């Protein structure tokens, strides 16, 4: 003996627009576009120290920021000469992940390399 399943409710028929009591025209609903601003970008900055080998910094820049050897070397020299250098610009979450990856790699290698994320103006 088979029992029949209850039928799903049918969707309500669309309602007609409401007319104002004064006999005017129909009410029209308009879709208001939402303005969404792009996310705040953050730059990942490496700081110079007197102990981390330059070659290690170049390798880290290549590995975590996807730079070729020449670009990584230029960034490393900027860090060395100016005290800090920008390795990349990302959304906040990606930038903080990159900072953690760099700090973890430096810690594992026994280097005091410092890396921070700061908002782009």
PDB file of N, CA and C in Angstrom:
ATOM      1  N   UNK A   1       0.827  -1.154   0.000  1.00  0.00           N
ATOM      2  CA  UNK A   1       0.000   0.000   0.000  1.00  0.00           C
ATOM      3  C   UNK A   1       0.884   1.234   0.000  1.00  0.00           C
ATOM      4  N   UNK A   2       0.812   1.987  -1.046  1.00  0.00           N
ATOM      5  CA  UNK A   2       1.655   3.170  -1.197  1.00  0.00           C
ATOM      6  C   UNK A   2       0.915   4.397  -0.705  1.00  0.00           C
ATOM      7  N   UNK A   3       1.635   5.192   0.016  1.00  0.00           N
ATOM      8  CA  UNK A   3       1.032   6.450   0.451  1.00  0.00           C
ATOM      9  C   UNK A   3       1.551   7.560  -0.437  1.00  0.00           C
ATOM     10  N   UNK A   4       0.713   8.464  -0.741  1.00  0.00           N
ATOM     11  CA  UNK A   4       1.148   9.554  -1.613  1.00  0.00           C
ATOM     12  C   UNK A   4       1.777  10.655  -0.767  1.00  0.00           C
ATOM     13  N   UNK A   5       2.817  11.237  -1.322  1.00  0.00           N
ATOM     14  CA  UNK A   5       3.497  12.329  -0.641  1.00  0.00           C
ATOM     15  C   UNK A   5       2.687  13.604  -0.815  1.00  0.00           C
ATOM     16  N   UNK A   6       2.700  14.460   0.184  1.00  0.00           N
ATOM     17  CA  UNK A   6       1.965  15.714   0.035  1.00  0.00           C
ATOM     18  C   UNK A   6       2.604  16.559  -1.059  1.00  0.00           C
ATOM     19  N   UNK A   7       1.795  17.254  -1.797  1.00  0.00           N
ATOM     20  CA  UNK A   7       2.285  18.098  -2.874  1.00  0.00           C
ATOM     21  C   UNK A   7       2.896  19.361  -2.269  1.00  0.00           C
ATOM     22  N   UNK A   8       4.015  19.813  -2.867  1.00  0.00           N
ATOM     23  CA  UNK A   8       4.607  21.048  -2.357  1.00  0.00           C
ATOM     24  C   UNK A   8       3.669  22.221  -2.643  1.00  0.00           C
ATOM     25  N   UNK A   9       3.699  23.216  -1.792  1.00  0.00           N
ATOM     26  CA  UNK A   9       2.806  24.354  -2.010  1.00  0.00           C
ATOM     27  C   UNK A   9       3.157  25.060  -3.313  1.00  0.00           C
ATOM     28  N   UNK A  10       2.170  25.513  -3.992  1.00  0.00           N
ATOM     29  CA  UNK A  10       2.398  26.234  -5.243  1.00  0.00           C
ATOM     30  C   UNK A  10       2.751  27.674  -4.898  1.00  0.00           C
ATOM     31  N   UNK A  11       3.656  28.246  -5.655  1.00  0.00           N
ATOM     32  CA  UNK A  11       4.039  29.618  -5.357  1.00  0.00           C
ATOM     33  C   UNK A  11       2.857  30.552  -5.576  1.00  0.00           C
ATOM     34  N   UNK A  12       2.824  31.570  -4.760  1.00  0.00           N
ATOM     35  CA  UNK A  12       1.730  32.538  -4.870  1.00  0.00           C
ATOM     36  C   UNK A  12       1.846  33.284  -6.190  1.00  0.00           C
ATOM     37  N   UNK A  13       0.716  33.590  -6.757  1.00  0.00           N
ATOM     38  CA  UNK A  13       0.704  34.334  -8.018  1.00  0.00           C
ATOM     39  C   UNK A  13       1.226  35.738  -7.763  1.00  0.00           C
ATOM     40  N   UNK A  14       1.933  36.295  -8.739  1.00  0.00           N
ATOM     41  CA  UNK A  14       2.444  37.646  -8.530  1.00  0.00           C
ATOM     42  C   UNK A  14       1.297  38.626  -8.321  1.00  0.00           C
ATOM     43  N   UNK A  15       1.523  39.529  -7.413  1.00  0.00           N
ATOM     44  CA  UNK A  15       0.474  40.503  -7.129  1.00  0.00           C
ATOM     45  C   UNK A  15       0.608  41.676  -8.075  1.00  0.00           C
ATOM     46  N   UNK A  16      -0.490  42.303  -8.332  1.00  0.00           N
ATOM     47  CA  UNK A  16      -0.460  43.480  -9.199  1.00  0.00           C
ATOM     48  C   UNK A  16      -0.013  44.677  -8.379  1.00  0.00           C
ATOM     49  N   UNK A  17       0.594  45.637  -9.019  1.00  0.00           N
ATOM     50  CA  UNK A  17       1.048  46.818  -8.288  1.00  0.00           C
ATOM     51  C   UNK A  17      -0.136  47.516  -7.621  1.00  0.00           C
ATOM     52  N   UNK A  18       0.135  48.073  -6.488  1.00  0.00           N
ATOM     53  CA  UNK A  18      -0.899  48.768  -5.722  1.00  0.00           C
ATOM     54  C   UNK A  18      -1.099  50.152  -6.311  1.00  0.00           C
ATOM     55  N   UNK A  19      -2.351  50.505  -6.508  1.00  0.00           N
ATOM     56  CA  UNK A  19      -2.662  51.830  -7.037  1.00  0.00           C
ATOM     57  C   UNK A  19      -2.993  52.756  -5.878  1.00  0.00           C
ATOM     58  N   UNK A  20      -2.500  53.950  -5.920  1.00  0.00           N
ATOM     59  CA  UNK A  20      -2.821  54.897  -4.858  1.00  0.00           C
ATOM     60  C   UNK A  20      -4.320  55.167  -4.814  1.00  0.00           C
ATOM     61  N   UNK A  21      -4.826  55.533  -3.647  1.00  0.00           N
ATOM     62  CA  UNK A  21      -6.260  55.775  -3.450  1.00  0.00           C
ATOM     63  C   UNK A  21      -6.764  56.966  -4.249  1.00  0.00           C
ATOM     64  N   UNK A  22      -5.891  57.889  -4.582  1.00  0.00           N
ATOM     65  CA  UNK A  22      -6.347  59.083  -5.306  1.00  0.00           C
ATOM     66  C   UNK A  22      -6.530  58.829  -6.800  1.00  0.00           C
ATOM     67  N   UNK A  23      -6.335  57.600  -7.236  1.00  0.00           N
ATOM     68  CA  UNK A  23      -6.557  57.261  -8.640  1.00  0.00           C
ATOM     69  C   UNK A  23      -5.338  57.529  -9.503  1.00  0.00           C
ATOM     70  N   UNK A  24      -4.177  57.760  -8.893  1.00  0.00           N
ATOM     71  CA  UNK A  24      -2.958  58.042  -9.660  1.00  0.00           C
ATOM     72  C   UNK A  24      -2.443  56.791 -10.350  1.00  0.00           C
ATOM     73  N   UNK A  25      -1.242  56.870 -10.842  1.00  0.00           N
ATOM     74  CA  UNK A  25      -0.631  55.758 -11.577  1.00  0.00           C
ATOM     75  C   UNK A  25      -0.206  54.626 -10.659  1.00  0.00           C
ATOM     76  N   UNK A  26       0.376  53.641 -11.253  1.00  0.00           N
ATOM     77  CA  UNK A  26       0.816  52.466 -10.516  1.00  0.00           C
ATOM     78  C   UNK A  26       2.082  52.777  -9.709  1.00  0.00           C
ATOM     79  N   UNK A  27       2.275  52.048  -8.643  1.00  0.00           N
ATOM     80  CA  UNK A  27       3.483  52.176  -7.840  1.00  0.00           C
ATOM     81  C   UNK A  27       4.565  51.329  -8.503  1.00  0.00           C
ATOM     82  N   UNK A  28       5.716  51.917  -8.688  1.00  0.00           N
ATOM     83  CA  UNK A  28       6.814  51.212  -9.331  1.00  0.00           C
ATOM     84  C   UNK A  28       7.950  51.062  -8.324  1.00  0.00           C
ATOM     85  N   UNK A  29       8.419  49.856  -8.164  1.00  0.00           N
ATOM     86  CA  UNK A  29       9.554  49.601  -7.293  1.00  0.00           C
ATOM     87  C   UNK A  29      10.818  49.640  -8.144  1.00  0.00           C
ATOM     88  N   UNK A  30      11.791  50.381  -7.682  1.00  0.00           N
ATOM     89  CA  UNK A  30      13.048  50.470  -8.411  1.00  0.00           C
ATOM     90  C   UNK A  30      14.144  49.799  -7.612  1.00  0.00           C
ATOM     91  N   UNK A  31      15.022  49.137  -8.325  1.00  0.00           N
ATOM     92  CA  UNK A  31      16.170  48.503  -7.682  1.00  0.00           C
ATOM     93  C   UNK A  31      17.262  49.561  -7.547  1.00  0.00           C
ATOM     94  N   UNK A  32      17.738  49.760  -6.338  1.00  0.00           N
ATOM     95  CA  UNK A  32      18.791  50.731  -6.088  1.00  0.00           C
ATOM     96  C   UNK A  32      20.120  49.992  -6.096  1.00  0.00           C
ATOM     97  N   UNK A  33      21.017  50.361  -7.007  1.00  0.00           N
ATOM     98  CA  UNK A  33      22.302  49.656  -7.048  1.00  0.00           C
ATOM     99  C   UNK A  33      23.117  49.970  -5.789  1.00  0.00           C
ATOM    100  N   UNK A  34      23.749  48.939  -5.260  1.00  0.00           N
ATOM    101  CA  UNK A  34      24.580  49.126  -4.082  1.00  0.00           C
ATOM    102  C   UNK A  34      25.984  49.506  -4.519  1.00  0.00           C
ATOM    103  N   UNK A  35      26.532  50.476  -3.843  1.00  0.00           N
ATOM    104  CA  UNK A  35      27.896  50.881  -4.140  1.00  0.00           C
ATOM    105  C   UNK A  35      28.832  50.116  -3.216  1.00  0.00           C
ATOM    106  N   UNK A  36      29.690  49.321  -3.816  1.00  0.00           N
ATOM    107  CA  UNK A  36      30.634  48.518  -3.057  1.00  0.00           C
ATOM    108  C   UNK A  36      32.028  49.036  -3.358  1.00  0.00           C
ATOM    109  N   UNK A  37      32.749  49.444  -2.306  1.00  0.00           N
ATOM    110  CA  UNK A  37      34.098  49.919  -2.544  1.00  0.00           C
ATOM    111  C   UNK A  37      35.063  48.743  -2.537  1.00  0.00           C
ATOM    112  N   UNK A  38      36.145  48.876  -3.265  1.00  0.00           N
ATOM    113  CA  UNK A  38      37.135  47.801  -3.278  1.00  0.00           C
ATOM    114  C   UNK A  38      37.776  47.663  -1.899  1.00  0.00           C
ATOM    115  N   UNK A  39      38.311  46.482  -1.589  1.00  0.00           N
ATOM    116  CA  UNK A  39      38.898  46.280  -0.263  1.00  0.00           C
ATOM    117  C   UNK A  39      40.152  47.129  -0.066  1.00  0.00           C
ATOM    118  N   UNK A  40      40.407  47.477   1.185  1.00  0.00           N
ATOM    119  CA  UNK A  40      41.626  48.217   1.549  1.00  0.00           C
ATOM    120  C   UNK A  40      42.835  47.333   1.257  1.00  0.00           C
ATOM    121  N   UNK A  41      43.799  47.866   0.537  1.00  0.00           N
ATOM    122  CA  UNK A  41      44.987  47.095   0.191  1.00  0.00           C
ATOM    123  C   UNK A  41      46.075  47.322   1.241  1.00  0.00           C
ATOM    124  N   UNK A  42      46.904  46.296   1.440  1.00  0.00           N
ATOM    125  CA  UNK A  42      48.003  46.352   2.405  1.00  0.00           C
ATOM    126  C   UNK A  42      49.295  45.951   1.704  1.00  0.00           C
ATOM    127  N   UNK A  43      50.367  46.631   2.055  1.00  0.00           N
ATOM    128  CA  UNK A  43      51.657  46.267   1.486  1.00  0.00           C
ATOM    129  C   UNK A  43      52.460  45.462   2.508  1.00  0.00           C
ATOM    130  N   UNK A  44      53.156  44.466   1.997  1.00  0.00           N
ATOM    131  CA  UNK A  44      54.009  43.638   2.846  1.00  0.00           C
ATOM    132  C   UNK A  44      55.407  44.229   2.759  1.00  0.00           C
ATOM    133  N   UNK A  45      55.937  44.628   3.923  1.00  0.00           N
ATOM    134  CA  UNK A  45      57.220  45.314   3.991  1.00  0.00           C
ATOM    135  C   UNK A  45      58.198  44.472   4.800  1.00  0.00           C
ATOM    136  N   UNK A  46      59.386  44.246   4.227  1.00  0.00           N
ATOM    137  CA  UNK A  46      60.453  43.569   4.965  1.00  0.00           C
ATOM    138  C   UNK A  46      61.384  44.635   5.519  1.00  0.00           C
ATOM    139  N   UNK A  47      61.862  44.376   6.739  1.00  0.00           N
ATOM    140  CA  UNK A  47      62.739  45.319   7.419  1.00  0.00           C
ATOM    141  C   UNK A  47      64.165  44.786   7.435  1.00  0.00           C
ATOM    142  N   UNK A  48      65.127  45.696   7.317  1.00  0.00           N
ATOM    143  CA  UNK A  48      66.538  45.318   7.296  1.00  0.00           C
ATOM    144  C   UNK A  48      67.022  44.951   8.697  1.00  0.00           C
ATOM    145  N   UNK A  49      67.941  44.007   8.759  1.00  0.00           N
ATOM    146  CA  UNK A  49      68.663  43.709   9.992  1.00  0.00           C
ATOM    147  C   UNK A  49      70.094  43.369   9.589  1.00  0.00           C
ATOM    148  N   UNK A  50      70.977  43.322  10.542  1.00  0.00           N
ATOM    149  CA  UNK A  50      72.395  43.094  10.240  1.00  0.00           C
ATOM    150  C   UNK A  50      72.799  41.625  10.287  1.00  0.00           C
ATOM    151  N   UNK A  51      71.826  40.730  10.444  1.00  0.00           N
ATOM    152  CA  UNK A  51      72.169  39.324  10.653  1.00  0.00           C
ATOM    153  C   UNK A  51      71.630  38.372   9.595  1.00  0.00           C
ATOM    154  N   UNK A  52      70.492  38.672   9.008  1.00  0.00           N
ATOM    155  CA  UNK A  52      69.901  37.775   8.011  1.00  0.00           C
ATOM    156  C   UNK A  52      70.698  37.869   6.712  1.00  0.00           C
ATOM    157  N   UNK A  53      71.158  36.736   6.180  1.00  0.00           N
ATOM    158  CA  UNK A  53      71.930  36.764   4.930  1.00  0.00           C
ATOM    159  C   UNK A  53      71.088  37.276   3.753  1.00  0.00           C
ATOM    160  N   UNK A  54      71.732  38.027   2.881  1.00  0.00           N
ATOM    161  CA  UNK A  54      71.053  38.592   1.709  1.00  0.00           C
ATOM    162  C   UNK A  54      70.475  37.496   0.826  1.00  0.00           C
ATOM    163  N   UNK A  55      71.200  36.410   0.691  1.00  0.00           N
ATOM    164  CA  UNK A  55      70.731  35.305  -0.161  1.00  0.00           C
ATOM    165  C   UNK A  55      69.442  34.701   0.386  1.00  0.00           C
ATOM    166  N   UNK A  56      69.334  34.609   1.717  1.00  0.00           N
ATOM    167  CA  UNK A  56      68.099  34.092   2.314  1.00  0.00           C
ATOM    168  C   UNK A  56      66.926  35.019   1.995  1.00  0.00           C
ATOM    169  N   UNK A  57      67.152  36.322   2.077  1.00  0.00           N
ATOM    170  CA  UNK A  57      66.088  37.295   1.777  1.00  0.00           C
ATOM    171  C   UNK A  57      65.646  37.156   0.321  1.00  0.00           C
ATOM    172  N   UNK A  58      66.595  36.989  -0.586  1.00  0.00           N
ATOM    173  CA  UNK A  58      66.264  36.818  -2.008  1.00  0.00           C
ATOM    174  C   UNK A  58      65.414  35.568  -2.209  1.00  0.00           C
ATOM    175  N   UNK A  59      65.796  34.467  -1.572  1.00  0.00           N
ATOM    176  CA  UNK A  59      65.050  33.212  -1.707  1.00  0.00           C
ATOM    177  C   UNK A  59      63.632  33.356  -1.151  1.00  0.00           C
ATOM    178  N   UNK A  60      63.504  34.022  -0.007  1.00  0.00           N
ATOM    179  CA  UNK A  60      62.182  34.226   0.600  1.00  0.00           C
ATOM    180  C   UNK A  60      61.297  35.065  -0.325  1.00  0.00           C
ATOM    181  N   UNK A  61      61.846  36.114  -0.893  1.00  0.00           N
ATOM    182  CA  UNK A  61      61.068  36.965  -1.802  1.00  0.00           C
ATOM    183  C   UNK A  61      60.632  36.163  -3.032  1.00  0.00           C
ATOM    184  N   UNK A  62      61.518  35.348  -3.553  1.00  0.00           N
ATOM    185  CA  UNK A  62      61.163  34.513  -4.699  1.00  0.00           C
ATOM    186  C   UNK A  62      60.073  33.514  -4.334  1.00  0.00           C
ATOM    187  N   UNK A  63      60.231  32.860  -3.206  1.00  0.00           N
ATOM    188  CA  UNK A  63      59.319  31.779  -2.833  1.00  0.00           C
ATOM    189  C   UNK A  63      57.932  32.278  -2.451  1.00  0.00           C
ATOM    190  N   UNK A  64      57.851  33.320  -1.637  1.00  0.00           N
ATOM    191  CA  UNK A  64      56.561  33.744  -1.104  1.00  0.00           C
ATOM    192  C   UNK A  64      55.887  34.873  -1.881  1.00  0.00           C
ATOM    193  N   UNK A  65      56.656  35.562  -2.717  1.00  0.00           N
ATOM    194  CA  UNK A  65      56.070  36.689  -3.451  1.00  0.00           C
ATOM    195  C   UNK A  65      56.118  36.499  -4.960  1.00  0.00           C
ATOM    196  N   UNK A  66      56.619  35.354  -5.411  1.00  0.00           N
ATOM    197  CA  UNK A  66      56.575  35.002  -6.823  1.00  0.00           C
ATOM    198  C   UNK A  66      57.421  35.894  -7.723  1.00  0.00           C
ATOM    199  N   UNK A  67      58.488  36.441  -7.193  1.00  0.00           N
ATOM    200  CA  UNK A  67      59.360  37.317  -7.990  1.00  0.00           C
ATOM    201  C   UNK A  67      60.460  36.489  -8.639  1.00  0.00           C
ATOM    202  N   UNK A  68      60.937  36.973  -9.795  1.00  0.00           N
ATOM    203  CA  UNK A  68      62.082  36.307 -10.407  1.00  0.00           C
ATOM    204  C   UNK A  68      63.342  36.733  -9.649  1.00  0.00           C
ATOM    205  N   UNK A  69      64.453  36.089  -9.949  1.00  0.00           N
ATOM    206  CA  UNK A  69      65.683  36.335  -9.186  1.00  0.00           C
ATOM    207  C   UNK A  69      66.132  37.790  -9.267  1.00  0.00           C
ATOM    208  N   UNK A  70      66.029  38.376 -10.425  1.00  0.00           N
ATOM    209  CA  UNK A  70      66.474  39.764 -10.594  1.00  0.00           C
ATOM    210  C   UNK A  70      65.613  40.732  -9.773  1.00  0.00           C
ATOM    211  N   UNK A  71      64.297  40.577  -9.839  1.00  0.00           N
ATOM    212  CA  UNK A  71      63.397  41.439  -9.063  1.00  0.00           C
ATOM    213  C   UNK A  71      63.597  41.236  -7.568  1.00  0.00           C
ATOM    214  N   UNK A  72      63.765  39.985  -7.162  1.00  0.00           N
ATOM    215  CA  UNK A  72      63.980  39.688  -5.747  1.00  0.00           C
ATOM    216  C   UNK A  72      65.278  40.321  -5.255  1.00  0.00           C
ATOM    217  N   UNK A  73      66.304  40.292  -6.094  1.00  0.00           N
ATOM    218  CA  UNK A  73      67.589  40.903  -5.722  1.00  0.00           C
ATOM    219  C   UNK A  73      67.446  42.417  -5.605  1.00  0.00           C
ATOM    220  N   UNK A  74      66.697  43.038  -6.505  1.00  0.00           N
ATOM    221  CA  UNK A  74      66.482  44.490  -6.428  1.00  0.00           C
ATOM    222  C   UNK A  74      65.721  44.865  -5.161  1.00  0.00           C
ATOM    223  N   UNK A  75      64.714  44.086  -4.812  1.00  0.00           N
ATOM    224  CA  UNK A  75      63.955  44.358  -3.576  1.00  0.00           C
ATOM    225  C   UNK A  75      64.862  44.176  -2.361  1.00  0.00           C
ATOM    226  N   UNK A  76      65.684  43.130  -2.377  1.00  0.00           N
ATOM    227  CA  UNK A  76      66.602  42.878  -1.263  1.00  0.00           C
ATOM    228  C   UNK A  76      67.577  44.039  -1.102  1.00  0.00           C
ATOM    229  N   UNK A  77      68.093  44.568  -2.209  1.00  0.00           N
ATOM    230  CA  UNK A  77      69.024  45.702  -2.129  1.00  0.00           C
ATOM    231  C   UNK A  77      68.324  46.950  -1.606  1.00  0.00           C
ATOM    232  N   UNK A  78      67.086  47.147  -1.983  1.00  0.00           N
ATOM    233  CA  UNK A  78      66.318  48.285  -1.450  1.00  0.00           C
ATOM    234  C   UNK A  78      66.144  48.137   0.053  1.00  0.00           C
ATOM    235  N   UNK A  79      65.825  46.921   0.509  1.00  0.00           N
ATOM    236  CA  UNK A  79      65.690  46.659   1.948  1.00  0.00           C
ATOM    237  C   UNK A  79      67.017  46.956   2.647  1.00  0.00           C
ATOM    238  N   UNK A  80      68.117  46.509   2.056  1.00  0.00           N
ATOM    239  CA  UNK A  80      69.441  46.672   2.654  1.00  0.00           C
ATOM    240  C   UNK A  80      69.860  48.137   2.719  1.00  0.00           C
ATOM    241  N   UNK A  81      69.590  48.875   1.651  1.00  0.00           N
ATOM    242  CA  UNK A  81      70.047  50.266   1.578  1.00  0.00           C
ATOM    243  C   UNK A  81      69.110  51.252   2.267  1.00  0.00           C
ATOM    244  N   UNK A  82      67.794  51.028   2.158  1.00  0.00           N
ATOM    245  CA  UNK A  82      66.813  51.978   2.706  1.00  0.00           C
ATOM    246  C   UNK A  82      66.249  51.567   4.068  1.00  0.00           C
ATOM    247  N   UNK A  83      66.560  50.360   4.509  1.00  0.00           N
ATOM    248  CA  UNK A  83      66.064  49.902   5.802  1.00  0.00           C
ATOM    249  C   UNK A  83      64.758  49.127   5.717  1.00  0.00           C
ATOM    250  N   UNK A  84      64.058  49.269   4.595  1.00  0.00           N
ATOM    251  CA  UNK A  84      62.828  48.502   4.381  1.00  0.00           C
ATOM    252  C   UNK A  84      62.499  48.513   2.898  1.00  0.00           C
ATOM    253  N   UNK A  85      61.683  47.537   2.495  1.00  0.00           N
ATOM    254  CA  UNK A  85      61.289  47.444   1.100  1.00  0.00           C
ATOM    255  C   UNK A  85      59.962  46.719   0.961  1.00  0.00           C
ATOM    256  N   UNK A  86      59.173  47.162  -0.015  1.00  0.00           N
ATOM    257  CA  UNK A  86      57.862  46.573  -0.263  1.00  0.00           C
ATOM    258  C   UNK A  86      58.031  45.346  -1.150  1.00  0.00           C
ATOM    259  N   UNK A  87      57.495  44.226  -0.682  1.00  0.00           N
ATOM    260  CA  UNK A  87      57.583  42.972  -1.433  1.00  0.00           C
ATOM    261  C   UNK A  87      56.341  42.716  -2.274  1.00  0.00           C
ATOM    262  N   UNK A  88      55.206  43.307  -1.899  1.00  0.00           N
ATOM    263  CA  UNK A  88      53.977  43.119  -2.649  1.00  0.00           C
ATOM    264  C   UNK A  88      52.820  43.833  -1.983  1.00  0.00           C
ATOM    265  N   UNK A  89      51.746  44.022  -2.755  1.00  0.00           N
ATOM    266  CA  UNK A  89      50.533  44.683  -2.258  1.00  0.00           C
ATOM    267  C   UNK A  89      49.371  43.718  -2.447  1.00  0.00           C
ATOM    268  N   UNK A  90      48.641  43.477  -1.350  1.00  0.00           N
ATOM    269  CA  UNK A  90      47.574  42.478  -1.338  1.00  0.00           C
ATOM    270  C   UNK A  90      46.401  42.966  -0.488  1.00  0.00           C
ATOM    271  N   UNK A  91      45.321  42.197  -0.498  1.00  0.00           N
ATOM    272  CA  UNK A  91      44.241  42.467   0.446  1.00  0.00           C
ATOM    273  C   UNK A  91      44.759  42.147   1.846  1.00  0.00           C
ATOM    274  N   UNK A  92      44.052  42.616   2.870  1.00  0.00           N
ATOM    275  CA  UNK A  92      44.529  42.471   4.249  1.00  0.00           C
ATOM    276  C   UNK A  92      44.795  41.016   4.631  1.00  0.00           C
ATOM    277  N   UNK A  93      43.877  40.123   4.296  1.00  0.00           N
ATOM    278  CA  UNK A  93      44.032  38.722   4.683  1.00  0.00           C
ATOM    279  C   UNK A  93      45.230  38.070   4.002  1.00  0.00           C
ATOM    280  N   UNK A  94      45.385  38.335   2.717  1.00  0.00           N
ATOM    281  CA  UNK A  94      46.507  37.745   1.982  1.00  0.00           C
ATOM    282  C   UNK A  94      47.819  38.318   2.509  1.00  0.00           C
ATOM    283  N   UNK A  95      47.860  39.630   2.768  1.00  0.00           N
ATOM    284  CA  UNK A  95      49.076  40.256   3.279  1.00  0.00           C
ATOM    285  C   UNK A  95      49.470  39.669   4.635  1.00  0.00           C
ATOM    286  N   UNK A  96      48.502  39.482   5.515  1.00  0.00           N
ATOM    287  CA  UNK A  96      48.840  38.927   6.836  1.00  0.00           C
ATOM    288  C   UNK A  96      49.313  37.483   6.720  1.00  0.00           C
ATOM    289  N   UNK A  97      48.765  36.739   5.768  1.00  0.00           N
ATOM    290  CA  UNK A  97      49.232  35.368   5.535  1.00  0.00           C
ATOM    291  C   UNK A  97      50.672  35.369   5.041  1.00  0.00           C
ATOM    292  N   UNK A  98      50.989  36.277   4.119  1.00  0.00           N
ATOM    293  CA  UNK A  98      52.368  36.384   3.597  1.00  0.00           C
ATOM    294  C   UNK A  98      53.337  36.728   4.726  1.00  0.00           C
ATOM    295  N   UNK A  99      52.938  37.664   5.592  1.00  0.00           N
ATOM    296  CA  UNK A  99      53.799  38.046   6.723  1.00  0.00           C
ATOM    297  C   UNK A  99      54.068  36.837   7.603  1.00  0.00           C
ATOM    298  N   UNK A 100      53.030  36.075   7.920  1.00  0.00           N
ATOM    299  CA  UNK A 100      53.203  34.891   8.765  1.00  0.00           C
ATOM    300  C   UNK A 100      54.107  33.857   8.102  1.00  0.00           C
ATOM    301  N   UNK A 101      53.960  33.675   6.792  1.00  0.00           N
ATOM    302  CA  UNK A 101      54.802  32.708   6.077  1.00  0.00           C
ATOM    303  C   UNK A 101      56.277  33.119   6.137  1.00  0.00           C
ATOM    304  N   UNK A 102      56.534  34.416   5.929  1.00  0.00           N
ATOM    305  CA  UNK A 102      57.916  34.912   5.952  1.00  0.00           C
ATOM    306  C   UNK A 102      58.497  34.768   7.358  1.00  0.00           C
ATOM    307  N   UNK A 103      57.747  35.173   8.369  1.00  0.00           N
ATOM    308  CA  UNK A 103      58.248  35.086   9.745  1.00  0.00           C
ATOM    309  C   UNK A 103      58.506  33.641  10.159  1.00  0.00           C
ATOM    310  N   UNK A 104      57.629  32.740   9.726  1.00  0.00           N
ATOM    311  CA  UNK A 104      57.796  31.327  10.042  1.00  0.00           C
ATOM    312  C   UNK A 104      59.047  30.756   9.369  1.00  0.00           C
ATOM    313  N   UNK A 105      59.255  31.103   8.094  1.00  0.00           N
ATOM    314  CA  UNK A 105      60.436  30.620   7.370  1.00  0.00           C
ATOM    315  C   UNK A 105      61.716  31.166   8.014  1.00  0.00           C
ATOM    316  N   UNK A 106      61.702  32.441   8.413  1.00  0.00           N
ATOM    317  CA  UNK A 106      62.878  33.039   9.045  1.00  0.00           C
ATOM    318  C   UNK A 106      63.154  32.375  10.398  1.00  0.00           C
ATOM    319  N   UNK A 107      62.095  32.133  11.158  1.00  0.00           N
ATOM    320  CA  UNK A 107      62.240  31.497  12.468  1.00  0.00           C
ATOM    321  C   UNK A 107      62.823  30.087  12.319  1.00  0.00           C
ATOM    322  N   UNK A 108      62.317  29.338  11.349  1.00  0.00           N
ATOM    323  CA  UNK A 108      62.810  27.973  11.134  1.00  0.00           C
ATOM    324  C   UNK A 108      64.273  27.955  10.705  1.00  0.00           C
ATOM    325  N   UNK A 109      64.676  28.992   9.959  1.00  0.00           N
ATOM    326  CA  UNK A 109      66.064  29.062   9.505  1.00  0.00           C
ATOM    327  C   UNK A 109      66.975  29.708  10.549  1.00  0.00           C
ATOM    328  N   UNK A 110      66.389  30.213  11.628  1.00  0.00           N
ATOM    329  CA  UNK A 110      67.191  30.819  12.688  1.00  0.00           C
ATOM    330  C   UNK A 110      67.623  32.245  12.400  1.00  0.00           C
ATOM    331  N   UNK A 111      66.854  32.958  11.582  1.00  0.00           N
ATOM    332  CA  UNK A 111      67.189  34.343  11.241  1.00  0.00           C
ATOM    333  C   UNK A 111      66.188  35.305  11.884  1.00  0.00           C
ATOM    334  N   UNK A 112      66.648  36.510  12.239  1.00  0.00           N
ATOM    335  CA  UNK A 112      65.752  37.486  12.886  1.00  0.00           C
ATOM    336  C   UNK A 112      64.994  38.376  11.896  1.00  0.00           C
ATOM    337  N   UNK A 113      64.835  37.942  10.676  1.00  0.00           N
ATOM    338  CA  UNK A 113      64.166  38.750   9.649  1.00  0.00           C
ATOM    339  C   UNK A 113      62.781  39.181  10.114  1.00  0.00           C
ATOM    340  N   UNK A 114      62.466  40.451   9.931  1.00  0.00           N
ATOM    341  CA  UNK A 114      61.165  40.988  10.318  1.00  0.00           C
ATOM    342  C   UNK A 114      60.388  41.418   9.072  1.00  0.00           C
ATOM    343  N   UNK A 115      59.101  41.224   9.139  1.00  0.00           N
ATOM    344  CA  UNK A 115      58.217  41.528   8.021  1.00  0.00           C
ATOM    345  C   UNK A 115      56.901  42.037   8.614  1.00  0.00           C
ATOM    346  N   UNK A 116      56.353  43.110   8.043  1.00  0.00           N
ATOM    347  CA  UNK A 116      55.115  43.690   8.552  1.00  0.00           C
ATOM    348  C   UNK A 116      54.167  43.981   7.388  1.00  0.00           C
ATOM    349  N   UNK A 117      52.917  44.166   7.744  1.00  0.00           N
ATOM    350  CA  UNK A 117      51.903  44.556   6.764  1.00  0.00           C
ATOM    351  C   UNK A 117      51.370  45.915   7.177  1.00  0.00           C
ATOM    352  N   UNK A 118      51.279  46.844   6.212  1.00  0.00           N
ATOM    353  CA  UNK A 118      50.753  48.168   6.512  1.00  0.00           C
ATOM    354  C   UNK A 118      49.786  48.593   5.417  1.00  0.00           C
ATOM    355  N   UNK A 119      48.756  49.343   5.797  1.00  0.00           N
ATOM    356  CA  UNK A 119      47.766  49.784   4.808  1.00  0.00           C
ATOM    357  C   UNK A 119      48.392  50.712   3.771  1.00  0.00           C
ATOM    358  N   UNK A 120      47.925  50.598   2.543  1.00  0.00           N
ATOM    359  CA  UNK A 120      48.390  51.474   1.478  1.00  0.00           C
ATOM    360  C   UNK A 120      47.527  52.738   1.534  1.00  0.00           C
ATOM    361  N   UNK A 121      48.171  53.880   1.498  1.00  0.00           N
ATOM    362  CA  UNK A 121      47.430  55.145   1.561  1.00  0.00           C
ATOM    363  C   UNK A 121      46.714  55.451   0.270  1.00  0.00           C
TER     364      UNK A 121
END
